[in-house]
N, C-alpha and C. Protein backbone atom coordinates (compact mmCIF):
# COMPACT_ATOMS: atom_id res chain seq x y z
N MET A 1 30.03 42.68 125.06
CA MET A 1 30.03 41.74 123.96
C MET A 1 31.45 41.67 123.40
N THR A 2 31.99 40.47 123.37
CA THR A 2 33.34 40.30 122.84
C THR A 2 33.26 39.76 121.43
N ARG A 3 34.19 40.19 120.63
CA ARG A 3 34.27 39.71 119.25
C ARG A 3 35.04 38.40 119.24
N PRO A 4 34.67 37.51 118.32
CA PRO A 4 35.47 36.29 118.20
C PRO A 4 36.86 36.62 117.69
N ARG A 5 37.83 35.79 118.08
CA ARG A 5 39.20 36.02 117.63
C ARG A 5 39.28 35.79 116.12
N PRO A 6 40.00 36.66 115.42
CA PRO A 6 40.14 36.47 113.97
C PRO A 6 41.05 35.29 113.66
N SER A 7 40.90 34.74 112.47
CA SER A 7 41.78 33.67 112.03
C SER A 7 43.19 34.23 111.84
N ALA A 8 44.15 33.37 111.61
CA ALA A 8 45.53 33.81 111.42
C ALA A 8 45.65 34.72 110.18
N ARG A 9 44.93 34.36 109.11
CA ARG A 9 44.96 35.19 107.90
C ARG A 9 44.32 36.55 108.15
N ALA A 10 43.20 36.56 108.88
CA ALA A 10 42.53 37.82 109.19
C ALA A 10 43.39 38.68 110.12
N ALA A 11 44.08 38.04 111.04
CA ALA A 11 44.97 38.78 111.94
C ALA A 11 46.10 39.43 111.15
N GLU A 12 46.60 38.76 110.14
CA GLU A 12 47.66 39.33 109.30
C GLU A 12 47.12 40.54 108.51
N VAL A 13 45.91 40.44 108.01
CA VAL A 13 45.29 41.57 107.31
C VAL A 13 45.14 42.75 108.27
N LEU A 14 44.67 42.49 109.48
CA LEU A 14 44.53 43.57 110.47
C LEU A 14 45.88 44.19 110.80
N ARG A 15 46.92 43.36 110.86
CA ARG A 15 48.26 43.89 111.12
C ARG A 15 48.68 44.85 110.01
N LEU A 16 48.42 44.48 108.76
CA LEU A 16 48.74 45.35 107.63
C LEU A 16 47.95 46.65 107.70
N LEU A 17 46.69 46.55 108.08
CA LEU A 17 45.84 47.73 108.13
C LEU A 17 46.24 48.71 109.23
N THR A 18 46.83 48.23 110.28
CA THR A 18 47.25 49.12 111.36
C THR A 18 48.58 49.79 111.06
N ASP A 19 49.30 49.31 110.05
CA ASP A 19 50.55 49.94 109.63
C ASP A 19 50.21 51.04 108.63
N LEU A 20 50.27 52.29 109.08
CA LEU A 20 49.85 53.41 108.23
C LEU A 20 50.74 53.62 107.03
N ARG A 21 51.90 52.97 106.99
CA ARG A 21 52.79 53.11 105.84
C ARG A 21 52.36 52.24 104.67
N ILE A 22 51.42 51.33 104.91
CA ILE A 22 50.96 50.40 103.87
C ILE A 22 49.51 50.73 103.51
N PRO A 23 49.28 51.40 102.38
CA PRO A 23 47.90 51.70 102.00
C PRO A 23 47.19 50.45 101.48
N VAL A 24 45.98 50.23 101.98
CA VAL A 24 45.17 49.07 101.58
C VAL A 24 43.91 49.61 100.90
N PHE A 25 43.54 48.99 99.78
CA PHE A 25 42.40 49.43 99.00
C PHE A 25 41.49 48.26 98.66
N LEU A 26 40.20 48.57 98.49
CA LEU A 26 39.23 47.62 97.95
C LEU A 26 38.81 48.16 96.59
N THR A 27 38.92 47.32 95.56
CA THR A 27 38.47 47.68 94.22
C THR A 27 37.26 46.82 93.89
N VAL A 28 36.16 47.47 93.55
CA VAL A 28 34.96 46.77 93.13
C VAL A 28 34.79 47.05 91.65
N HIS A 29 34.96 46.01 90.84
CA HIS A 29 34.88 46.16 89.39
C HIS A 29 33.42 46.24 88.93
N ALA A 30 33.20 46.73 87.72
CA ALA A 30 31.85 46.91 87.18
C ALA A 30 31.06 45.61 87.15
N ASN A 31 31.74 44.49 87.01
CA ASN A 31 31.05 43.19 86.98
C ASN A 31 30.76 42.65 88.39
N GLY A 32 31.11 43.43 89.44
CA GLY A 32 30.83 43.02 90.82
C GLY A 32 31.98 42.35 91.53
N ARG A 33 33.05 42.02 90.81
CA ARG A 33 34.20 41.36 91.44
C ARG A 33 34.86 42.30 92.42
N ARG A 34 35.14 41.80 93.63
CA ARG A 34 35.78 42.59 94.68
C ARG A 34 37.21 42.11 94.85
N ARG A 35 38.12 43.05 95.02
CA ARG A 35 39.53 42.70 95.19
C ARG A 35 40.17 43.63 96.20
N TYR A 36 40.73 43.08 97.26
CA TYR A 36 41.48 43.85 98.25
C TYR A 36 42.96 43.74 97.92
N GLY A 37 43.68 44.83 98.11
CA GLY A 37 45.11 44.80 97.84
C GLY A 37 45.83 45.91 98.58
N CYS A 38 47.14 45.77 98.65
CA CYS A 38 47.95 46.79 99.30
C CYS A 38 49.23 47.00 98.51
N TRP A 39 49.84 48.16 98.73
CA TRP A 39 51.11 48.47 98.10
C TRP A 39 52.21 48.27 99.12
N GLN A 40 53.18 47.46 98.75
CA GLN A 40 54.35 47.26 99.61
C GLN A 40 55.58 47.66 98.82
N SER A 41 56.52 48.28 99.50
CA SER A 41 57.70 48.81 98.82
C SER A 41 58.53 47.71 98.16
N VAL A 42 58.53 46.52 98.71
CA VAL A 42 59.36 45.44 98.18
C VAL A 42 58.72 44.78 96.96
N GLY A 43 57.45 44.42 97.05
CA GLY A 43 56.84 43.63 96.00
C GLY A 43 55.82 44.33 95.15
N GLY A 44 55.61 45.63 95.32
CA GLY A 44 54.57 46.31 94.56
C GLY A 44 53.21 45.99 95.12
N GLN A 45 52.22 45.80 94.24
CA GLN A 45 50.87 45.53 94.71
C GLN A 45 50.73 44.07 95.11
N THR A 46 50.12 43.85 96.26
CA THR A 46 49.91 42.51 96.79
C THR A 46 48.42 42.30 97.03
N ALA A 47 47.88 41.19 96.55
CA ALA A 47 46.47 40.88 96.77
C ALA A 47 46.29 40.33 98.18
N LEU A 48 45.16 40.67 98.79
CA LEU A 48 44.81 40.16 100.11
C LEU A 48 43.64 39.20 99.97
N PRO A 49 43.48 38.27 100.90
CA PRO A 49 42.39 37.29 100.79
C PRO A 49 41.01 37.96 100.90
N THR A 50 40.25 37.90 99.82
CA THR A 50 38.96 38.57 99.75
C THR A 50 37.99 38.06 100.80
N ASP A 51 37.93 36.74 100.99
CA ASP A 51 36.98 36.19 101.96
C ASP A 51 37.28 36.67 103.38
N GLU A 52 38.55 36.73 103.76
CA GLU A 52 38.92 37.20 105.10
C GLU A 52 38.61 38.69 105.24
N CYS A 53 38.93 39.48 104.22
CA CYS A 53 38.68 40.92 104.28
C CYS A 53 37.18 41.21 104.34
N ASP A 54 36.37 40.48 103.55
CA ASP A 54 34.93 40.67 103.61
C ASP A 54 34.38 40.31 104.98
N ALA A 55 34.91 39.26 105.60
CA ALA A 55 34.47 38.88 106.95
C ALA A 55 34.83 39.97 107.95
N LEU A 56 36.01 40.57 107.82
CA LEU A 56 36.40 41.66 108.71
C LEU A 56 35.49 42.87 108.51
N LEU A 57 35.08 43.13 107.27
CA LEU A 57 34.20 44.25 106.97
C LEU A 57 32.82 44.02 107.60
N VAL A 58 32.29 42.81 107.45
CA VAL A 58 30.98 42.48 107.99
C VAL A 58 30.96 42.56 109.52
N THR A 59 32.04 42.16 110.16
CA THR A 59 32.09 42.18 111.63
C THR A 59 32.49 43.54 112.19
N GLY A 60 32.74 44.52 111.31
CA GLY A 60 33.04 45.86 111.77
C GLY A 60 34.47 46.11 112.19
N ARG A 61 35.38 45.20 111.84
CA ARG A 61 36.79 45.38 112.21
C ARG A 61 37.54 46.28 111.23
N ILE A 62 36.99 46.42 110.01
CA ILE A 62 37.58 47.34 109.05
C ILE A 62 36.47 48.24 108.51
N VAL A 63 36.86 49.42 108.04
CA VAL A 63 35.90 50.38 107.49
C VAL A 63 36.41 50.86 106.14
N LEU A 64 35.48 51.29 105.30
CA LEU A 64 35.82 51.79 103.97
C LEU A 64 35.77 53.31 103.96
N GLY A 65 36.70 53.90 103.24
CA GLY A 65 36.72 55.35 103.06
C GLY A 65 35.79 55.76 101.94
N ASP A 66 35.90 57.02 101.54
CA ASP A 66 35.07 57.55 100.46
C ASP A 66 35.41 56.87 99.13
N PRO A 67 34.40 56.60 98.30
CA PRO A 67 34.66 55.93 97.03
C PRO A 67 35.28 56.87 95.99
N VAL A 68 36.14 56.30 95.18
CA VAL A 68 36.66 56.97 93.98
C VAL A 68 36.11 56.15 92.81
N VAL A 69 35.23 56.79 92.01
CA VAL A 69 34.47 56.07 91.01
C VAL A 69 34.95 56.44 89.61
N ASP A 70 35.14 55.42 88.77
CA ASP A 70 35.32 55.64 87.33
C ASP A 70 34.42 54.64 86.60
N ARG A 71 34.48 54.59 85.29
CA ARG A 71 33.55 53.75 84.53
C ARG A 71 33.73 52.26 84.80
N ALA A 72 34.95 51.82 85.03
CA ALA A 72 35.22 50.39 85.14
C ALA A 72 35.24 49.87 86.58
N LYS A 73 35.45 50.77 87.55
CA LYS A 73 35.61 50.28 88.93
C LYS A 73 35.38 51.40 89.94
N THR A 74 35.18 50.98 91.18
CA THR A 74 35.09 51.89 92.31
C THR A 74 36.15 51.44 93.31
N THR A 75 36.93 52.39 93.81
CA THR A 75 38.02 52.07 94.74
C THR A 75 37.78 52.76 96.07
N TYR A 76 37.98 52.01 97.15
CA TYR A 76 37.83 52.53 98.51
C TYR A 76 39.14 52.34 99.27
N ARG A 77 39.51 53.29 100.09
CA ARG A 77 40.61 53.10 101.03
C ARG A 77 40.06 52.28 102.18
N VAL A 78 40.81 51.29 102.64
CA VAL A 78 40.39 50.42 103.73
C VAL A 78 41.24 50.74 104.95
N ARG A 79 40.59 50.88 106.09
CA ARG A 79 41.31 51.15 107.34
C ARG A 79 40.76 50.26 108.44
N ALA A 80 41.58 50.04 109.45
CA ALA A 80 41.11 49.31 110.63
C ALA A 80 40.10 50.19 111.35
N ALA A 81 39.03 49.58 111.84
CA ALA A 81 38.02 50.33 112.59
C ALA A 81 38.61 50.75 113.93
N PRO A 82 38.20 51.92 114.42
CA PRO A 82 38.68 52.32 115.74
C PRO A 82 38.21 51.33 116.79
N ARG A 83 39.07 51.07 117.75
CA ARG A 83 38.72 50.11 118.80
C ARG A 83 37.77 50.77 119.79
N ARG A 84 36.72 50.04 120.15
CA ARG A 84 35.77 50.50 121.16
C ARG A 84 35.78 49.50 122.29
N THR A 85 36.03 49.97 123.46
CA THR A 85 36.01 49.07 124.60
C THR A 85 35.05 49.60 125.64
N THR A 86 34.26 48.72 126.20
CA THR A 86 33.32 49.14 127.23
C THR A 86 34.08 49.48 128.51
N ARG A 87 35.25 48.88 128.69
CA ARG A 87 36.03 49.16 129.89
C ARG A 87 36.44 50.62 129.91
N SER A 88 36.91 51.16 128.79
CA SER A 88 37.34 52.56 128.78
C SER A 88 36.15 53.49 128.98
N THR A 89 34.98 53.14 128.45
CA THR A 89 33.79 53.95 128.65
C THR A 89 33.38 53.94 130.11
N ALA A 90 33.40 52.76 130.71
CA ALA A 90 33.04 52.65 132.12
C ALA A 90 34.04 53.41 132.98
N HIS A 91 35.32 53.32 132.64
CA HIS A 91 36.35 54.03 133.39
C HIS A 91 36.13 55.53 133.30
N THR A 92 35.81 56.03 132.12
CA THR A 92 35.55 57.46 131.94
C THR A 92 34.35 57.89 132.77
N ALA A 93 33.29 57.08 132.80
CA ALA A 93 32.10 57.42 133.59
C ALA A 93 32.44 57.46 135.08
N ARG A 94 33.22 56.47 135.55
CA ARG A 94 33.61 56.47 136.97
C ARG A 94 34.46 57.67 137.31
N THR A 95 35.42 58.01 136.44
CA THR A 95 36.30 59.15 136.68
C THR A 95 35.51 60.44 136.71
N THR A 96 34.55 60.60 135.80
CA THR A 96 33.72 61.80 135.75
C THR A 96 32.88 61.92 137.01
N ALA A 97 32.28 60.80 137.45
CA ALA A 97 31.46 60.82 138.67
C ALA A 97 32.33 61.14 139.89
N HIS A 98 33.52 60.57 139.96
CA HIS A 98 34.43 60.84 141.07
C HIS A 98 34.83 62.31 141.10
N THR A 99 35.14 62.87 139.94
CA THR A 99 35.53 64.29 139.85
C THR A 99 34.38 65.18 140.30
N ALA A 100 33.14 64.84 139.91
CA ALA A 100 31.98 65.64 140.32
C ALA A 100 31.80 65.59 141.83
N ARG A 101 31.96 64.39 142.43
CA ARG A 101 31.84 64.27 143.88
C ARG A 101 32.91 65.09 144.59
N MET A 102 34.14 65.03 144.09
CA MET A 102 35.24 65.77 144.70
C MET A 102 35.01 67.28 144.58
N THR A 103 34.47 67.72 143.45
CA THR A 103 34.20 69.14 143.25
C THR A 103 33.12 69.62 144.23
N ARG A 104 32.05 68.83 144.39
CA ARG A 104 30.99 69.19 145.34
C ARG A 104 31.54 69.22 146.76
N ALA A 105 32.39 68.24 147.11
CA ALA A 105 32.96 68.18 148.46
C ALA A 105 33.85 69.38 148.72
N SER A 106 34.66 69.77 147.74
CA SER A 106 35.55 70.92 147.95
C SER A 106 34.76 72.22 148.01
N ARG A 107 33.65 72.32 147.28
CA ARG A 107 32.81 73.51 147.37
C ARG A 107 32.17 73.61 148.75
N SER A 108 31.67 72.46 149.27
CA SER A 108 31.06 72.50 150.61
C SER A 108 32.08 72.85 151.67
N ALA A 109 33.32 72.40 151.51
CA ALA A 109 34.37 72.72 152.48
C ALA A 109 34.68 74.20 152.46
N LEU A 110 34.62 74.83 151.30
CA LEU A 110 34.91 76.26 151.19
C LEU A 110 33.79 77.11 151.78
N THR A 111 32.54 76.66 151.70
CA THR A 111 31.43 77.45 152.21
C THR A 111 31.19 77.20 153.70
N ALA A 112 31.78 76.16 154.25
CA ALA A 112 31.55 75.84 155.66
C ALA A 112 32.38 76.70 156.58
């Protein structure tokens, strides 16, 4: 199953999230308002597009860390979700099966 390509704005958000030097946070205020933002050394706090970030969260491209709760708001650290590829899983399965066959073959050669 392939994921649809993100929009240009969503791709920019993902680029920010993969840069570990830029912390990205989601703040959920007591009234329910959600706000994504990041700290950049040049401009201070920068708001990110909430609709794009929420779409990335729903599709599993970003994940939320543990909540920090106070009376007025809850804050989460936002990170890019780890990439999962079926190709790497299939490759690992093939490599493991090949190694098992080679081990059995070398054992039989030693006992023969």
